[in-house]
PDB file of N, CA and C in Angstrom:
ATOM      1  N   MET A   1     -19.824   1.713 -34.240  1.00  0.00           N
ATOM      2  CA  MET A   1     -20.436   2.888 -33.793  1.00  0.00           C
ATOM      3  C   MET A   1     -19.125   3.389 -32.650  1.00  0.00           C
ATOM      4  N   LEU A   2     -19.743   4.267 -32.855  1.00  0.00           N
ATOM      5  CA  LEU A   2     -18.861   5.021 -31.890  1.00  0.00           C
ATOM      6  C   LEU A   2     -18.668   5.608 -30.655  1.00  0.00           C
ATOM      7  N   VAL A   3     -18.517   4.742 -29.488  1.00  0.00           N
ATOM      8  CA  VAL A   3     -18.584   5.503 -28.403  1.00  0.00           C
ATOM      9  C   VAL A   3     -17.786   7.195 -27.575  1.00  0.00           C
ATOM     10  N   VAL A   4     -18.308   8.205 -27.647  1.00  0.00           N
ATOM     11  CA  VAL A   4     -16.842   9.015 -26.701  1.00  0.00           C
ATOM     12  C   VAL A   4     -17.797   9.300 -25.380  1.00  0.00           C
ATOM     13  N   ASP A   5     -16.450   9.266 -24.601  1.00  0.00           N
ATOM     14  CA  ASP A   5     -17.032   9.681 -23.561  1.00  0.00           C
ATOM     15  C   ASP A   5     -15.431   9.720 -22.935  1.00  0.00           C
ATOM     16  N   ASP A   6     -14.798  10.423 -21.417  1.00  0.00           N
ATOM     17  CA  ASP A   6     -14.063  10.860 -21.071  1.00  0.00           C
ATOM     18  C   ASP A   6     -13.900  10.003 -20.115  1.00  0.00           C
ATOM     19  N   ASP A   7     -14.960   9.868 -19.365  1.00  0.00           N
ATOM     20  CA  ASP A   7     -14.997   8.576 -18.458  1.00  0.00           C
ATOM     21  C   ASP A   7     -14.583   7.134 -18.796  1.00  0.00           C
ATOM     22  N   PRO A   8     -13.153   6.575 -18.268  1.00  0.00           N
ATOM     23  CA  PRO A   8     -12.876   5.278 -18.891  1.00  0.00           C
ATOM     24  C   PRO A   8     -13.672   4.310 -18.166  1.00  0.00           C
ATOM     25  N   ASP A   9     -14.636   4.471 -17.510  1.00  0.00           N
ATOM     26  CA  ASP A   9     -15.081   3.449 -17.216  1.00  0.00           C
ATOM     27  C   ASP A   9     -16.565   3.369 -17.992  1.00  0.00           C
ATOM     28  N   ILE A  10     -17.388   4.231 -17.716  1.00  0.00           N
ATOM     29  CA  ILE A  10     -18.138   4.437 -18.922  1.00  0.00           C
ATOM     30  C   ILE A  10     -18.144   4.097 -20.353  1.00  0.00           C
ATOM     31  N   ARG A  11     -16.738   4.755 -20.852  1.00  0.00           N
ATOM     32  CA  ARG A  11     -16.639   4.294 -22.210  1.00  0.00           C
ATOM     33  C   ARG A  11     -16.161   2.945 -22.167  1.00  0.00           C
ATOM     34  N   GLU A  12     -16.006   1.947 -21.362  1.00  0.00           N
ATOM     35  CA  GLU A  12     -15.645   0.655 -21.387  1.00  0.00           C
ATOM     36  C   GLU A  12     -16.783  -0.112 -21.069  1.00  0.00           C
ATOM     37  N   LEU A  13     -16.972  -0.151 -20.615  1.00  0.00           N
ATOM     38  CA  LEU A  13     -19.040  -0.030 -20.242  1.00  0.00           C
ATOM     39  C   LEU A  13     -19.617  -0.188 -21.596  1.00  0.00           C
ATOM     40  N   LEU A  14     -19.905   1.197 -22.334  1.00  0.00           N
ATOM     41  CA  LEU A  14     -20.276   0.725 -23.158  1.00  0.00           C
ATOM     42  C   LEU A  14     -20.386  -0.381 -24.185  1.00  0.00           C
ATOM     43  N   VAL A  15     -18.556  -0.045 -24.518  1.00  0.00           N
ATOM     44  CA  VAL A  15     -18.493  -0.606 -25.662  1.00  0.00           C
ATOM     45  C   VAL A  15     -18.737  -2.327 -25.343  1.00  0.00           C
ATOM     46  N   SER A  16     -18.282  -2.859 -24.001  1.00  0.00           N
ATOM     47  CA  SER A  16     -18.649  -3.654 -24.133  1.00  0.00           C
ATOM     48  C   SER A  16     -20.394  -4.766 -23.954  1.00  0.00           C
ATOM     49  N   VAL A  17     -20.882  -4.255 -23.618  1.00  0.00           N
ATOM     50  CA  VAL A  17     -22.020  -4.118 -23.842  1.00  0.00           C
ATOM     51  C   VAL A  17     -22.613  -4.176 -25.006  1.00  0.00           C
ATOM     52  N   LEU A  18     -22.250  -3.508 -25.632  1.00  0.00           N
ATOM     53  CA  LEU A  18     -22.978  -3.110 -27.004  1.00  0.00           C
ATOM     54  C   LEU A  18     -22.082  -3.829 -28.259  1.00  0.00           C
ATOM     55  N   LYS A  19     -20.983  -4.577 -27.756  1.00  0.00           N
ATOM     56  CA  LYS A  19     -20.452  -5.706 -28.753  1.00  0.00           C
ATOM     57  C   LYS A  19     -21.158  -6.904 -28.037  1.00  0.00           C
ATOM     58  N   ASP A  20     -22.099  -6.978 -26.197  1.00  0.00           N
ATOM     59  CA  ASP A  20     -22.595  -8.634 -26.754  1.00  0.00           C
ATOM     60  C   ASP A  20     -23.666  -8.590 -27.413  1.00  0.00           C
ATOM     61  N   ASP A  21     -24.389  -7.195 -27.781  1.00  0.00           N
ATOM     62  CA  ASP A  21     -25.677  -6.633 -28.021  1.00  0.00           C
ATOM     63  C   ASP A  21     -25.000  -7.140 -29.895  1.00  0.00           C
ATOM     64  N   GLY A  22     -24.146  -7.095 -30.219  1.00  0.00           N
ATOM     65  CA  GLY A  22     -24.219  -7.589 -31.593  1.00  0.00           C
ATOM     66  C   GLY A  22     -23.384  -6.785 -32.331  1.00  0.00           C
ATOM     67  N   TYR A  23     -22.700  -5.512 -31.363  1.00  0.00           N
ATOM     68  CA  TYR A  23     -22.278  -3.968 -32.534  1.00  0.00           C
ATOM     69  C   TYR A  23     -21.336  -3.684 -32.348  1.00  0.00           C
ATOM     70  N   ASP A  24     -20.713  -3.738 -33.861  1.00  0.00           N
ATOM     71  CA  ASP A  24     -19.142  -3.267 -33.634  1.00  0.00           C
ATOM     72  C   ASP A  24     -18.855  -1.501 -32.967  1.00  0.00           C
ATOM     73  N   ALA A  25     -17.967  -1.024 -32.001  1.00  0.00           N
ATOM     74  CA  ALA A  25     -18.260  -0.555 -31.312  1.00  0.00           C
ATOM     75  C   ALA A  25     -17.371  -0.029 -30.918  1.00  0.00           C
ATOM     76  N   LEU A  26     -16.445   1.088 -31.067  1.00  0.00           N
ATOM     77  CA  LEU A  26     -15.167   1.888 -30.320  1.00  0.00           C
ATOM     78  C   LEU A  26     -15.310   2.359 -29.973  1.00  0.00           C
ATOM     79  N   PRO A  27     -13.972   2.537 -28.528  1.00  0.00           N
ATOM     80  CA  PRO A  27     -13.843   3.863 -27.995  1.00  0.00           C
ATOM     81  C   PRO A  27     -13.442   5.288 -28.397  1.00  0.00           C
ATOM     82  N   ALA A  28     -13.796   6.879 -28.006  1.00  0.00           N
ATOM     83  CA  ALA A  28     -12.817   6.870 -28.226  1.00  0.00           C
ATOM     84  C   ALA A  28     -12.837   8.510 -26.586  1.00  0.00           C
ATOM     85  N   ALA A  29     -12.105   8.992 -26.367  1.00  0.00           N
ATOM     86  CA  ALA A  29     -11.970   9.341 -24.776  1.00  0.00           C
ATOM     87  C   ALA A  29     -12.752  11.008 -25.307  1.00  0.00           C
ATOM     88  N   ASN A  30     -12.506  11.792 -25.827  1.00  0.00           N
ATOM     89  CA  ASN A  30     -12.892  13.108 -26.315  1.00  0.00           C
ATOM     90  C   ASN A  30     -12.940  13.238 -27.869  1.00  0.00           C
ATOM     91  N   GLY A  31     -13.463  14.669 -27.880  1.00  0.00           N
ATOM     92  CA  GLY A  31     -13.921  15.001 -29.853  1.00  0.00           C
ATOM     93  C   GLY A  31     -12.732  14.758 -30.231  1.00  0.00           C
ATOM     94  N   ARG A  32     -11.885  15.290 -30.616  1.00  0.00           N
ATOM     95  CA  ARG A  32     -10.355  15.010 -31.174  1.00  0.00           C
ATOM     96  C   ARG A  32      -9.958  13.656 -31.341  1.00  0.00           C
ATOM     97  N   GLU A  33      -9.837  12.731 -30.708  1.00  0.00           N
ATOM     98  CA  GLU A  33      -9.994  11.391 -30.993  1.00  0.00           C
ATOM     99  C   GLU A  33     -10.969  10.868 -31.824  1.00  0.00           C
ATOM    100  N   ALA A  34     -11.755  11.184 -31.170  1.00  0.00           N
ATOM    101  CA  ALA A  34     -13.222  10.817 -32.194  1.00  0.00           C
ATOM    102  C   ALA A  34     -13.369  11.346 -33.306  1.00  0.00           C
ATOM    103  N   LEU A  35     -12.821  12.495 -33.603  1.00  0.00           N
ATOM    104  CA  LEU A  35     -13.304  12.957 -35.406  1.00  0.00           C
ATOM    105  C   LEU A  35     -11.605  12.070 -35.998  1.00  0.00           C
ATOM    106  N   ALA A  36     -10.981  11.814 -34.998  1.00  0.00           N
ATOM    107  CA  ALA A  36      -9.402  11.501 -36.024  1.00  0.00           C
ATOM    108  C   ALA A  36     -10.176   9.460 -35.878  1.00  0.00           C
ATOM    109  N   MET A  37     -10.982   9.290 -35.639  1.00  0.00           N
ATOM    110  CA  MET A  37     -11.652   7.934 -35.326  1.00  0.00           C
ATOM    111  C   MET A  37     -12.299   8.188 -36.952  1.00  0.00           C
ATOM    112  N   LEU A  38     -13.478   8.676 -36.736  1.00  0.00           N
ATOM    113  CA  LEU A  38     -13.947   8.852 -37.991  1.00  0.00           C
ATOM    114  C   LEU A  38     -13.468   8.832 -38.991  1.00  0.00           C
ATOM    115  N   GLU A  39     -12.701   9.817 -39.543  1.00  0.00           N
ATOM    116  CA  GLU A  39     -11.755   9.679 -40.919  1.00  0.00           C
ATOM    117  C   GLU A  39     -11.499   8.145 -41.139  1.00  0.00           C
ATOM    118  N   ARG A  40     -11.197   7.151 -39.951  1.00  0.00           N
ATOM    119  CA  ARG A  40     -10.559   5.835 -40.369  1.00  0.00           C
ATOM    120  C   ARG A  40     -11.640   5.010 -40.928  1.00  0.00           C
ATOM    121  N   PHE A  41     -12.496   4.807 -39.729  1.00  0.00           N
ATOM    122  CA  PHE A  41     -13.335   4.358 -39.744  1.00  0.00           C
ATOM    123  C   PHE A  41     -14.882   4.894 -39.722  1.00  0.00           C
ATOM    124  N   ALA A  42     -15.997   3.898 -40.610  1.00  0.00           N
ATOM    125  CA  ALA A  42     -16.812   4.098 -40.784  1.00  0.00           C
ATOM    126  C   ALA A  42     -18.439   3.719 -39.393  1.00  0.00           C
ATOM    127  N   ALA A  43     -19.172   4.614 -38.933  1.00  0.00           N
ATOM    128  CA  ALA A  43     -19.575   4.511 -37.671  1.00  0.00           C
ATOM    129  C   ALA A  43     -21.060   4.817 -38.343  1.00  0.00           C
ATOM    130  N   ASP A  44     -22.683   4.033 -38.302  1.00  0.00           N
ATOM    131  CA  ASP A  44     -23.278   4.393 -38.225  1.00  0.00           C
ATOM    132  C   ASP A  44     -24.282   5.317 -37.029  1.00  0.00           C
ATOM    133  N   LEU A  45     -23.211   5.257 -35.906  1.00  0.00           N
ATOM    134  CA  LEU A  45     -24.202   6.113 -34.688  1.00  0.00           C
ATOM    135  C   LEU A  45     -22.691   6.374 -33.735  1.00  0.00           C
ATOM    136  N   VAL A  46     -23.355   7.078 -33.184  1.00  0.00           N
ATOM    137  CA  VAL A  46     -21.728   8.211 -32.432  1.00  0.00           C
ATOM    138  C   VAL A  46     -23.311   8.241 -30.899  1.00  0.00           C
ATOM    139  N   VAL A  47     -22.274   7.277 -29.634  1.00  0.00           N
ATOM    140  CA  VAL A  47     -22.860   8.403 -28.331  1.00  0.00           C
ATOM    141  C   VAL A  47     -21.984   9.138 -27.647  1.00  0.00           C
ATOM    142  N   LEU A  48     -22.172   9.984 -27.378  1.00  0.00           N
ATOM    143  CA  LEU A  48     -21.055  11.660 -26.796  1.00  0.00           C
ATOM    144  C   LEU A  48     -21.861  11.646 -25.557  1.00  0.00           C
ATOM    145  N   ASP A  49     -21.116  11.726 -25.063  1.00  0.00           N
ATOM    146  CA  ASP A  49     -21.004  12.828 -23.913  1.00  0.00           C
ATOM    147  C   ASP A  49     -20.713  14.123 -24.391  1.00  0.00           C
ATOM    148  N   LEU A  50     -21.366  14.583 -23.591  1.00  0.00           N
ATOM    149  CA  LEU A  50     -20.840  16.589 -23.625  1.00  0.00           C
ATOM    150  C   LEU A  50     -19.660  17.401 -23.475  1.00  0.00           C
ATOM    151  N   MET A  51     -19.305  17.395 -22.041  1.00  0.00           N
ATOM    152  CA  MET A  51     -18.683  17.683 -21.150  1.00  0.00           C
ATOM    153  C   MET A  51     -17.303  16.467 -21.125  1.00  0.00           C
ATOM    154  N   MET A  52     -16.463  17.312 -21.233  1.00  0.00           N
ATOM    155  CA  MET A  52     -14.902  16.071 -22.371  1.00  0.00           C
ATOM    156  C   MET A  52     -14.180  16.964 -22.417  1.00  0.00           C
ATOM    157  N   PRO A  53     -12.392  16.902 -21.848  1.00  0.00           N
ATOM    158  CA  PRO A  53     -11.442  18.133 -21.900  1.00  0.00           C
ATOM    159  C   PRO A  53     -11.322  17.759 -23.531  1.00  0.00           C
ATOM    160  N   VAL A  54     -10.192  18.390 -23.529  1.00  0.00           N
ATOM    161  CA  VAL A  54      -9.472  18.453 -24.986  1.00  0.00           C
ATOM    162  C   VAL A  54     -10.240  19.326 -26.047  1.00  0.00           C
ATOM    163  N   MET A  55     -11.485  18.016 -26.676  1.00  0.00           N
ATOM    164  CA  MET A  55     -12.737  19.079 -27.563  1.00  0.00           C
ATOM    165  C   MET A  55     -13.927  18.588 -26.969  1.00  0.00           C
ATOM    166  N   ASP A  56     -14.918  19.572 -27.082  1.00  0.00           N
ATOM    167  CA  ASP A  56     -16.186  18.794 -25.968  1.00  0.00           C
ATOM    168  C   ASP A  56     -16.783  17.940 -27.046  1.00  0.00           C
ATOM    169  N   GLY A  57     -17.797  17.756 -26.885  1.00  0.00           N
ATOM    170  CA  GLY A  57     -19.068  17.085 -27.435  1.00  0.00           C
ATOM    171  C   GLY A  57     -19.908  18.335 -28.540  1.00  0.00           C
ATOM    172  N   TRP A  58     -20.062  19.300 -28.294  1.00  0.00           N
ATOM    173  CA  TRP A  58     -20.782  20.287 -28.645  1.00  0.00           C
ATOM    174  C   TRP A  58     -19.781  20.482 -30.290  1.00  0.00           C
ATOM    175  N   THR A  59     -18.338  20.522 -29.978  1.00  0.00           N
ATOM    176  CA  THR A  59     -17.769  21.175 -30.593  1.00  0.00           C
ATOM    177  C   THR A  59     -16.889  19.637 -31.963  1.00  0.00           C
ATOM    178  N   PHE A  60     -17.048  18.895 -31.450  1.00  0.00           N
ATOM    179  CA  PHE A  60     -17.266  17.288 -32.237  1.00  0.00           C
ATOM    180  C   PHE A  60     -18.593  17.495 -32.552  1.00  0.00           C
ATOM    181  N   ALA A  61     -19.789  17.422 -32.328  1.00  0.00           N
ATOM    182  CA  ALA A  61     -20.954  17.377 -32.632  1.00  0.00           C
ATOM    183  C   ALA A  61     -20.860  18.058 -34.525  1.00  0.00           C
ATOM    184  N   ASP A  62     -20.003  20.134 -33.820  1.00  0.00           N
ATOM    185  CA  ASP A  62     -20.114  20.999 -34.938  1.00  0.00           C
ATOM    186  C   ASP A  62     -19.467  20.186 -36.019  1.00  0.00           C
ATOM    187  N   ARG A  63     -18.241  20.116 -35.861  1.00  0.00           N
ATOM    188  CA  ARG A  63     -17.032  19.652 -36.866  1.00  0.00           C
ATOM    189  C   ARG A  63     -17.631  18.539 -37.426  1.00  0.00           C
ATOM    190  N   MET A  64     -18.246  17.356 -37.148  1.00  0.00           N
ATOM    191  CA  MET A  64     -18.607  16.001 -37.264  1.00  0.00           C
ATOM    192  C   MET A  64     -19.929  16.293 -38.340  1.00  0.00           C
ATOM    193  N   HIS A  65     -20.629  17.206 -38.254  1.00  0.00           N
ATOM    194  CA  HIS A  65     -22.005  17.106 -38.912  1.00  0.00           C
ATOM    195  C   HIS A  65     -21.341  18.280 -40.659  1.00  0.00           C
ATOM    196  N   GLU A  66     -20.404  18.606 -40.721  1.00  0.00           N
ATOM    197  CA  GLU A  66     -19.014  19.283 -41.902  1.00  0.00           C
ATOM    198  C   GLU A  66     -19.040  18.153 -42.888  1.00  0.00           C
ATOM    199  N   LYS A  67     -18.573  17.056 -42.028  1.00  0.00           N
ATOM    200  CA  LYS A  67     -18.551  15.841 -42.953  1.00  0.00           C
ATOM    201  C   LYS A  67     -19.407  15.087 -43.106  1.00  0.00           C
ATOM    202  N   TRP A  68     -20.016  14.342 -41.877  1.00  0.00           N
ATOM    203  CA  TRP A  68     -20.857  13.352 -41.764  1.00  0.00           C
ATOM    204  C   TRP A  68     -22.388  13.806 -41.397  1.00  0.00           C
ATOM    205  N   ASP A  69     -23.094  12.608 -42.116  1.00  0.00           N
ATOM    206  CA  ASP A  69     -24.319  12.483 -41.793  1.00  0.00           C
ATOM    207  C   ASP A  69     -24.611  11.752 -40.496  1.00  0.00           C
ATOM    208  N   ILE A  70     -24.307  11.487 -39.138  1.00  0.00           N
ATOM    209  CA  ILE A  70     -24.089  10.185 -38.535  1.00  0.00           C
ATOM    210  C   ILE A  70     -24.595  10.652 -37.107  1.00  0.00           C
ATOM    211  N   PRO A  71     -26.401   9.967 -36.894  1.00  0.00           N
ATOM    212  CA  PRO A  71     -26.950  10.320 -35.511  1.00  0.00           C
ATOM    213  C   PRO A  71     -26.481   9.921 -34.084  1.00  0.00           C
ATOM    214  N   ILE A  72     -26.141  11.255 -33.715  1.00  0.00           N
ATOM    215  CA  ILE A  72     -26.041  11.011 -32.105  1.00  0.00           C
ATOM    216  C   ILE A  72     -27.238  11.011 -31.238  1.00  0.00           C
ATOM    217  N   VAL A  73     -26.760   9.924 -30.224  1.00  0.00           N
ATOM    218  CA  VAL A  73     -27.191   9.804 -29.049  1.00  0.00           C
ATOM    219  C   VAL A  73     -26.671  10.186 -28.332  1.00  0.00           C
ATOM    220  N   VAL A  74     -27.373  11.633 -27.396  1.00  0.00           N
ATOM    221  CA  VAL A  74     -26.806  11.843 -26.395  1.00  0.00           C
ATOM    222  C   VAL A  74     -26.183  10.772 -24.839  1.00  0.00           C
ATOM    223  N   LEU A  75     -25.368  11.332 -24.197  1.00  0.00           N
ATOM    224  CA  LEU A  75     -25.481  11.192 -22.938  1.00  0.00           C
ATOM    225  C   LEU A  75     -25.246  12.081 -21.899  1.00  0.00           C
ATOM    226  N   SER A  76     -26.023  12.408 -21.076  1.00  0.00           N
ATOM    227  CA  SER A  76     -25.278  13.307 -20.149  1.00  0.00           C
ATOM    228  C   SER A  76     -26.382  13.935 -18.745  1.00  0.00           C
ATOM    229  N   ALA A  77     -25.292  14.591 -18.238  1.00  0.00           N
ATOM    230  CA  ALA A  77     -26.319  15.037 -16.569  1.00  0.00           C
ATOM    231  C   ALA A  77     -26.524  16.178 -16.536  1.00  0.00           C
ATOM    232  N   ALA A  78     -26.757  16.863 -17.430  1.00  0.00           N
ATOM    233  CA  ALA A  78     -27.429  17.939 -17.089  1.00  0.00           C
ATOM    234  C   ALA A  78     -28.327  17.935 -17.394  1.00  0.00           C
ATOM    235  N   ASN A  79     -29.354  19.273 -16.270  1.00  0.00           N
ATOM    236  CA  ASN A  79     -30.668  18.983 -16.018  1.00  0.00           C
ATOM    237  C   ASN A  79     -31.457  19.524 -17.550  1.00  0.00           C
ATOM    238  N   ASP A  80     -31.026  20.493 -17.859  1.00  0.00           N
ATOM    239  CA  ASP A  80     -31.594  20.423 -19.316  1.00  0.00           C
ATOM    240  C   ASP A  80     -31.163  19.494 -20.722  1.00  0.00           C
ATOM    241  N   ILE A  81     -31.078  18.271 -20.355  1.00  0.00           N
ATOM    242  CA  ILE A  81     -30.457  17.853 -21.210  1.00  0.00           C
ATOM    243  C   ILE A  81     -31.173  17.568 -22.415  1.00  0.00           C
ATOM    244  N   GLN A  82     -32.795  17.350 -22.723  1.00  0.00           N
ATOM    245  CA  GLN A  82     -33.058  17.880 -24.042  1.00  0.00           C
ATOM    246  C   GLN A  82     -32.769  19.200 -25.009  1.00  0.00           C
ATOM    247  N   LYS A  83     -32.766  19.868 -24.360  1.00  0.00           N
ATOM    248  CA  LYS A  83     -31.767  21.698 -25.469  1.00  0.00           C
ATOM    249  C   LYS A  83     -30.801  21.297 -25.453  1.00  0.00           C
ATOM    250  N   GLN A  84     -29.903  20.543 -24.633  1.00  0.00           N
ATOM    251  CA  GLN A  84     -28.783  20.258 -24.978  1.00  0.00           C
ATOM    252  C   GLN A  84     -28.552  19.446 -26.025  1.00  0.00           C
ATOM    253  N   ALA A  85     -29.370  17.973 -25.936  1.00  0.00           N
ATOM    254  CA  ALA A  85     -29.243  17.413 -27.315  1.00  0.00           C
ATOM    255  C   ALA A  85     -29.467  17.750 -28.507  1.00  0.00           C
ATOM    256  N   ALA A  86     -30.613  19.217 -28.416  1.00  0.00           N
ATOM    257  CA  ALA A  86     -31.254  19.599 -29.509  1.00  0.00           C
ATOM    258  C   ALA A  86     -29.886  20.105 -30.112  1.00  0.00           C
ATOM    259  N   ARG A  87     -28.964  20.405 -29.553  1.00  0.00           N
ATOM    260  CA  ARG A  87     -27.913  21.752 -29.697  1.00  0.00           C
ATOM    261  C   ARG A  87     -27.173  21.293 -30.553  1.00  0.00           C
ATOM    262  N   VAL A  88     -26.853  19.816 -30.667  1.00  0.00           N
ATOM    263  CA  VAL A  88     -25.813  18.979 -30.784  1.00  0.00           C
ATOM    264  C   VAL A  88     -26.445  18.505 -32.594  1.00  0.00           C
ATOM    265  N   HIS A  89     -27.922  18.799 -32.202  1.00  0.00           N
ATOM    266  CA  HIS A  89     -29.004  17.763 -33.124  1.00  0.00           C
ATOM    267  C   HIS A  89     -29.073  16.259 -33.299  1.00  0.00           C
ATOM    268  N   ALA A  90     -29.047  16.023 -32.110  1.00  0.00           N
ATOM    269  CA  ALA A  90     -29.505  14.673 -31.668  1.00  0.00           C
ATOM    270  C   ALA A  90     -30.518  13.668 -32.217  1.00  0.00           C
ATOM    271  N   ALA A  91     -30.354  12.773 -32.432  1.00  0.00           N
ATOM    272  CA  ALA A  91     -31.298  11.861 -32.591  1.00  0.00           C
ATOM    273  C   ALA A  91     -32.086  11.140 -31.426  1.00  0.00           C
ATOM    274  N   ALA A  92     -31.015  11.404 -30.276  1.00  0.00           N
ATOM    275  CA  ALA A  92     -32.037  10.514 -29.239  1.00  0.00           C
ATOM    276  C   ALA A  92     -31.218  11.108 -28.163  1.00  0.00           C
ATOM    277  N   ALA A  93     -31.244  11.182 -26.799  1.00  0.00           N
ATOM    278  CA  ALA A  93     -31.072  11.704 -25.318  1.00  0.00           C
ATOM    279  C   ALA A  93     -30.984  10.946 -24.551  1.00  0.00           C
ATOM    280  N   VAL A  94     -29.909  10.687 -23.025  1.00  0.00           N
ATOM    281  CA  VAL A  94     -30.638   9.261 -22.333  1.00  0.00           C
ATOM    282  C   VAL A  94     -29.467  10.216 -21.146  1.00  0.00           C
ATOM    283  N   ALA A  95     -30.151  10.304 -20.134  1.00  0.00           N
ATOM    284  CA  ALA A  95     -29.783  11.087 -18.684  1.00  0.00           C
ATOM    285  C   ALA A  95     -28.710  10.294 -17.730  1.00  0.00           C
ATOM    286  N   LYS A  96     -27.331  10.627 -17.793  1.00  0.00           N
ATOM    287  CA  LYS A  96     -26.566   9.982 -16.709  1.00  0.00           C
ATOM    288  C   LYS A  96     -27.069  10.436 -15.062  1.00  0.00           C
ATOM    289  N   PRO A  97     -27.143   9.293 -14.465  1.00  0.00           N
ATOM    290  CA  PRO A  97     -26.419   7.873 -14.848  1.00  0.00           C
ATOM    291  C   PRO A  97     -27.853   7.502 -15.322  1.00  0.00           C
ATOM    292  N   PHE A  98     -27.812   6.412 -16.452  1.00  0.00           N
ATOM    293  CA  PHE A  98     -28.501   6.207 -17.570  1.00  0.00           C
ATOM    294  C   PHE A  98     -28.287   3.698 -16.742  1.00  0.00           C
ATOM    295  N   ASP A  99     -29.805   3.727 -17.664  1.00  0.00           N
ATOM    296  CA  ASP A  99     -29.718   2.249 -17.883  1.00  0.00           C
ATOM    297  C   ASP A  99     -29.576   2.165 -18.916  1.00  0.00           C
ATOM    298  N   ILE A 100     -28.680   0.851 -18.797  1.00  0.00           N
ATOM    299  CA  ILE A 100     -28.436   0.480 -20.171  1.00  0.00           C
ATOM    300  C   ILE A 100     -29.925  -0.683 -20.740  1.00  0.00           C
ATOM    301  N   GLU A 101     -31.238  -0.727 -20.160  1.00  0.00           N
ATOM    302  CA  GLU A 101     -31.636  -1.238 -20.562  1.00  0.00           C
ATOM    303  C   GLU A 101     -32.756   0.054 -21.307  1.00  0.00           C
ATOM    304  N   THR A 102     -32.362   1.143 -20.858  1.00  0.00           N
ATOM    305  CA  THR A 102     -33.020   2.191 -21.389  1.00  0.00           C
ATOM    306  C   THR A 102     -32.410   2.561 -22.809  1.00  0.00           C
ATOM    307  N   LEU A 103     -30.595   2.672 -22.865  1.00  0.00           N
ATOM    308  CA  LEU A 103     -30.018   2.849 -23.597  1.00  0.00           C
ATOM    309  C   LEU A 103     -30.361   1.932 -25.226  1.00  0.00           C
ATOM    310  N   LEU A 104     -30.447   0.739 -24.511  1.00  0.00           N
ATOM    311  CA  LEU A 104     -30.301  -0.017 -26.238  1.00  0.00           C
ATOM    312  C   LEU A 104     -31.459   0.127 -27.020  1.00  0.00           C
ATOM    313  N   PRO A 105     -32.486  -0.141 -26.293  1.00  0.00           N
ATOM    314  CA  PRO A 105     -33.563   0.744 -27.204  1.00  0.00           C
ATOM    315  C   PRO A 105     -33.765   1.726 -27.953  1.00  0.00           C
ATOM    316  N   ARG A 106     -32.788   2.574 -27.764  1.00  0.00           N
ATOM    317  CA  ARG A 106     -32.892   3.581 -28.637  1.00  0.00           C
ATOM    318  C   ARG A 106     -31.516   3.543 -29.554  1.00  0.00           C
ATOM    319  N   ILE A 107     -30.425   2.861 -28.843  1.00  0.00           N
ATOM    320  CA  ILE A 107     -29.445   2.267 -30.118  1.00  0.00           C
ATOM    321  C   ILE A 107     -30.221   1.658 -31.509  1.00  0.00           C
ATOM    322  N   ALA A 108     -30.890   0.119 -30.979  1.00  0.00           N
ATOM    323  CA  ALA A 108     -31.722  -0.355 -31.398  1.00  0.00           C
ATOM    324  C   ALA A 108     -32.556   0.673 -32.790  1.00  0.00           C
ATOM    325  N   ARG A 109     -33.556   1.029 -32.712  1.00  0.00           N
ATOM    326  CA  ARG A 109     -34.375   2.020 -33.278  1.00  0.00           C
ATOM    327  C   ARG A 109     -33.664   2.750 -34.130  1.00  0.00           C
ATOM    328  N   LEU A 110     -32.383   3.375 -34.169  1.00  0.00           N
ATOM    329  CA  LEU A 110     -31.401   4.067 -34.846  1.00  0.00           C
ATOM    330  C   LEU A 110     -30.591   3.013 -35.516  1.00  0.00           C
ATOM    331  N   THR A 111     -30.404   2.731 -35.636  1.00  0.00           N
ATOM    332  CA  THR A 111     -29.775   1.738 -36.279  1.00  0.00           C
ATOM    333  C   THR A 111     -30.399   0.584 -36.988  1.00  0.00           C
ATOM    334  N   GLY A 112     -31.234  -0.097 -36.723  1.00  0.00           N
ATOM    335  CA  GLY A 112     -32.028  -0.994 -37.402  1.00  0.00           C
ATOM    336  C   GLY A 112     -31.659  -2.250 -36.043  1.00  0.00           C
ATOM    337  N   GLY A 113     -31.479  -2.167 -35.186  1.00  0.00           N
ATOM    338  CA  GLY A 113     -31.163  -3.350 -34.002  1.00  0.00           C
ATOM    339  C   GLY A 113     -29.846  -4.024 -34.617  1.00  0.00           C
ATOM    340  N   GLY A 114     -29.027  -4.261 -33.244  1.00  0.00           N
ATOM    341  CA  GLY A 114     -28.025  -5.195 -33.312  1.00  0.00           C
ATOM    342  C   GLY A 114     -26.913  -4.861 -34.909  1.00  0.00           C
ATOM    343  N   ALA A 115     -25.503  -5.715 -34.466  1.00  0.00           N
ATOM    344  CA  ALA A 115     -25.203  -6.238 -35.780  1.00  0.00           C
ATOM    345  C   ALA A 115     -24.406  -5.004 -36.232  1.00  0.00           C
ATOM    346  N   ALA A 116     -24.457  -3.471 -36.310  1.00  0.00           N
ATOM    347  CA  ALA A 116     -24.170  -2.266 -36.723  1.00  0.00           C
ATOM    348  C   ALA A 116     -22.569  -2.131 -36.650  1.00  0.00           C
ATOM    349  N   ASN A 117     -22.766  -1.019 -36.926  1.00  0.00           N
ATOM    350  CA  ASN A 117     -21.530   0.141 -36.607  1.00  0.00           C
ATOM    351  C   ASN A 117     -21.340   0.576 -36.126  1.00  0.00           C
TER     352      ASN A 117
END
């Protein structure tokens, strides 16, 4: 699993919680870094912030979908989160600030539950 967020606190918290829940989770600070990681590591899910420097989540999703069919869970503070999630063909969307107890069941449903990439 790949966690893509420019906020280091959110990124590291998510990676830590996901690992505690049995997932292999890797952090990326922006879309460009995430694409480079996907070239080296298989991922079965991407947890994606949309508004990031260097390469935003929309551009990342477009480029990712050119090569890989990996579900996306969007994390966003945008008022129109469902619209933004649809724009990147996300399988799920969670509003920021988020409750980890809301996010984890959505991830489990998309990955078949724990111990995933």
